[in-house]
Amino acid sequence: MYAVVAERSVPDAPLEGLRTGPWPEPECPEGWAVVSVRAAALNHHDLWTLRGVALVPGQLPVVLGSDAAGVDEDGNEVIVYPVIGDPLAGGGDETLDPASQFLSVEQPGTLAERVAVPRRCLIPKPPELSFAEAACLPGAWLTAYRMLFEKSGVEPGSTVLVQGASGGVGTALVSLGHAAGYRVWAVSRSADKRRRLTELGAEVVVAPGERLPHKADAVLDTVGQATWPHSLKALRRGGRLVISGATSGDSPAADLGRIFANQLSVVGTTMGTAAQLARLASFCVRTGVRPVIDRVLPLARAGQGLAAIESGEVFGKVVCLV
């Protein structure tokens, strides 16, 4: 089959470690299913793998990609949940299972013609969602869903500030928050992207460092080091910072004095559960919200999509059709 593979890590030139072409068919143990991939979304995580960040021993070479939608062996249209774990071992959460594995980490990923996963990782794809839209849900949109509805600790009507709002998770947070009745504020460096965020439903959109109308109830951040000081300063007393990524670096000055003096909470999160992915798909159908897709490319041009993500020129998700 055809696949997009991280063959080696090149920290300063990640795309040099990318290879596309023939790859062995996926192995399918008992209880697993092979999905014919119709669409797969790209993520920053694919670039981190190519850079050699947080690799597990023996991970490379590996098929990249963690998000996909396709058709299973029985002809059912499905969304692929990318966490292979036991919910019971994680207290009801697969991502907390100490033995959990992830597609494109311990297991081959979704940027291929076919991928094998446990049958419990197959979520029915609503017919109202296209394959490209559905492929955006398991990573960025599931992460945003959990950040907003579970981890933020605030209810609709509250003010949430989204850092790095033009990326995949950021546009998902703006879209989901607006649909659910949150007051969504957003930060983006680009004037054009700030305009587009307003069209998505952001009530207030500012450039980095620009003064906010008042303090936010929660800040939702995927950027990390570059936005950390502003995220802490933007919170009201008792507010909460939810962080699910660190695209600009993971070692900011902690500013512990501000955190304890203002009784702030800092909460980390990674993806979400299979049950939450199913509810997210239902939420999209019921509200009419759809993932923002920056561009759709054939699988053979995945490298071009990763280059666009690396340069920061995208607004929303990049999807590859298979």
Foldseek 3Di string as FASTA:
>chain_A
DWFWKQAAADQVDLLVRIDIDDDDDDDADPQKWKFQFFKAWDDVVQSCVSNVHPADPPLPTAGDGQFTWGAIPVGFTWTFQFKAADCVCQVNWRVNNPPIDGDSHNAHHDLGRMGMDRPVRTAGFDPVDDRHQSRLQNALLLQLLCVPPPVQPDAAQFEEEEEPLQEANNLNNLLVNQLRRHQYEYEDQDPVSQVVSVVSPHPHYYYPPDDDPAAGQEYEYAQEAVCVVVRLVRHAQQHEYEYEHHVPDHDHDPPVVSCVVSVYYYHYDGRTHSVSSNVSSVVCVVRVGTWDEQEEAASVCVSVVVVCVVVVPGGHIYMHGD
